[in-house]
Amino acid sequence: MIIAYDSKTGNVQRFINKVKNELDIETVKIHEDSIIQKPFILVTYTTGFGQVPKTTKGFLMKNHQYMIAVASSGNMNWGMKFAVAADEISKKYSVPIILKFELSGTQKDVQRFIEEVRNIDNTCS
């Protein structure tokens, strides 16, 4: 399994770096033209007023069939729009949301994400 991620300001990248320090798993920073042909968990961010980033949308157009779960960062200052990219992706592609985290996430967020990844990996194995 792979963790595919999109990061604009570096928050998601920092979150992924924390995860990689504790979990031996392949990670790939996505671009609109990236192709992944095996199961992956997507970690992205929410942009604008609650939109899925353009790069994430472009990537999912070509790769959504392999996505098995989604997580998203956001900022609590946006209230109901907090990390809503995960909601939009989950709804459109019928995959579970495993985590919404603020900015680059806390250590507790990292641990919860790792637990979810392990649960999914055990289910898929």
Protein backbone atom coordinates (compact mmCIF):
# COMPACT_ATOMS: atom_id res chain seq x y z
CA MET A 1 0.00 0.00 0.00
CA ILE A 2 1.05 3.59 -0.68
CA ILE A 3 0.28 6.92 0.92
CA ALA A 4 -0.25 9.43 -1.87
CA TYR A 5 -0.31 13.04 -0.75
CA ASP A 6 -0.76 16.57 -2.01
CA SER A 7 0.83 19.51 -0.17
CA LYS A 8 0.86 23.17 -1.06
CA THR A 9 2.06 25.08 2.02
CA GLY A 10 4.04 22.21 3.54
CA ASN A 11 1.56 21.21 6.25
CA VAL A 12 0.66 17.88 4.65
CA GLN A 13 4.34 17.26 3.84
CA ARG A 14 5.25 17.79 7.52
CA PHE A 15 2.43 15.44 8.55
CA ILE A 16 3.68 12.77 6.12
CA ASN A 17 7.25 13.20 7.43
CA LYS A 18 5.99 12.54 10.98
CA VAL A 19 4.16 9.43 9.77
CA LYS A 20 7.24 8.16 7.90
CA ASN A 21 9.31 8.50 11.06
CA GLU A 22 7.07 5.92 12.73
CA LEU A 23 5.73 3.76 9.90
CA ASP A 24 7.72 2.05 7.18
CA ILE A 25 5.47 2.76 4.19
CA GLU A 26 5.95 4.11 0.69
CA THR A 27 4.83 7.71 0.19
CA VAL A 28 4.39 9.56 -3.08
CA LYS A 29 3.82 13.28 -3.58
CA ILE A 30 1.21 13.54 -6.30
CA HIS A 31 0.88 15.77 -9.31
CA GLU A 32 -2.05 16.04 -11.71
CA ASP A 33 -0.35 13.64 -14.12
CA SER A 34 0.81 11.09 -11.52
CA ILE A 35 -0.26 7.48 -12.07
CA ILE A 36 -0.51 4.96 -9.21
CA GLN A 37 -1.73 1.50 -10.08
CA LYS A 38 -1.99 -0.10 -6.67
CA PRO A 39 -4.02 0.62 -3.52
CA PHE A 40 -3.32 3.94 -1.85
CA ILE A 41 -4.54 6.18 0.92
CA LEU A 42 -4.84 9.81 -0.13
CA VAL A 43 -3.82 12.66 2.16
CA THR A 44 -4.63 16.12 0.84
CA TYR A 45 -5.48 19.62 2.03
CA THR A 46 -8.50 21.86 1.75
CA THR A 47 -8.09 25.04 -0.26
CA GLY A 48 -10.06 28.22 -0.86
CA PHE A 49 -13.44 28.17 0.82
CA GLY A 50 -13.63 24.40 1.20
CA GLN A 51 -12.50 23.07 -2.16
CA VAL A 52 -10.52 20.03 -3.18
CA PRO A 53 -7.19 21.21 -4.66
CA LYS A 54 -6.94 21.23 -8.45
CA THR A 55 -3.90 18.91 -8.38
CA THR A 56 -5.79 16.41 -6.21
CA LYS A 57 -8.81 16.51 -8.54
CA GLY A 58 -6.61 15.93 -11.60
CA PHE A 59 -4.81 13.06 -9.88
CA LEU A 60 -8.08 11.42 -8.82
CA MET A 61 -9.51 11.59 -12.33
CA LYS A 62 -6.81 9.11 -13.37
CA ASN A 63 -6.31 7.13 -10.15
CA HIS A 64 -9.49 7.09 -8.05
CA GLN A 65 -10.16 3.39 -8.66
CA TYR A 66 -7.15 2.49 -6.46
CA MET A 67 -7.97 4.86 -3.59
CA ILE A 68 -9.08 3.03 -0.45
CA ALA A 69 -9.35 5.91 2.06
CA VAL A 70 -8.81 9.64 2.41
CA ALA A 71 -7.49 12.08 5.03
CA SER A 72 -7.32 15.85 4.86
CA SER A 73 -5.71 18.76 6.63
CA GLY A 74 -7.47 22.01 7.26
CA ASN A 75 -7.68 24.97 9.59
CA MET A 76 -10.23 25.04 12.44
CA ASN A 77 -10.72 28.77 11.76
CA TRP A 78 -12.88 27.72 8.79
CA GLY A 79 -15.49 26.15 11.10
CA MET A 80 -17.86 23.93 9.07
CA LYS A 81 -15.43 24.06 6.13
CA PHE A 82 -12.64 22.49 8.21
CA ALA A 83 -10.88 19.81 6.11
CA VAL A 84 -13.99 19.52 3.94
CA ALA A 85 -11.92 18.24 1.00
CA ALA A 86 -12.04 14.83 2.74
CA ASP A 87 -15.85 14.99 2.81
CA GLU A 88 -16.06 15.88 -0.87
CA ILE A 89 -13.66 13.12 -1.93
CA SER A 90 -15.30 10.55 0.35
CA LYS A 91 -18.73 11.32 -1.03
CA LYS A 92 -17.69 11.38 -4.69
CA TYR A 93 -15.59 8.20 -4.61
CA SER A 94 -17.29 6.24 -1.80
CA VAL A 95 -14.19 5.83 0.36
CA PRO A 96 -13.93 6.27 4.14
CA ILE A 97 -12.43 9.32 5.80
CA ILE A 98 -9.78 8.09 8.20
CA LEU A 99 -8.69 11.46 9.61
CA LYS A 100 -9.16 15.20 9.49
CA PHE A 101 -6.31 17.10 11.09
CA GLU A 102 -5.40 20.72 11.63
CA LEU A 103 -2.42 22.16 9.76
CA SER A 104 0.43 19.61 10.07
CA GLY A 105 -1.31 17.54 12.75
CA THR A 106 -0.45 16.68 16.33
CA GLN A 107 1.38 13.59 17.54
CA LYS A 108 -2.03 12.21 18.52
CA ASP A 109 -3.22 12.74 14.91
CA VAL A 110 -0.16 10.91 13.62
CA GLN A 111 -0.79 7.96 15.94
CA ARG A 112 -4.46 7.77 14.96
CA PHE A 113 -3.56 7.89 11.27
CA ILE A 114 -0.98 5.12 11.70
CA GLU A 115 -3.55 2.96 13.51
CA GLU A 116 -6.03 3.48 10.69
CA VAL A 117 -3.41 2.65 8.05
CA ARG A 118 -2.49 -0.55 9.90
CA ASN A 119 -6.17 -1.53 10.20
CA ILE A 120 -6.69 -1.01 6.48
CA ASP A 121 -3.48 -2.87 5.64
CA ASN A 122 -4.56 -5.83 7.79
CA THR A 123 -7.99 -5.87 6.16
CA CYS A 124 -6.52 -5.75 2.65
CA SER A 125 -3.90 -8.44 3.34
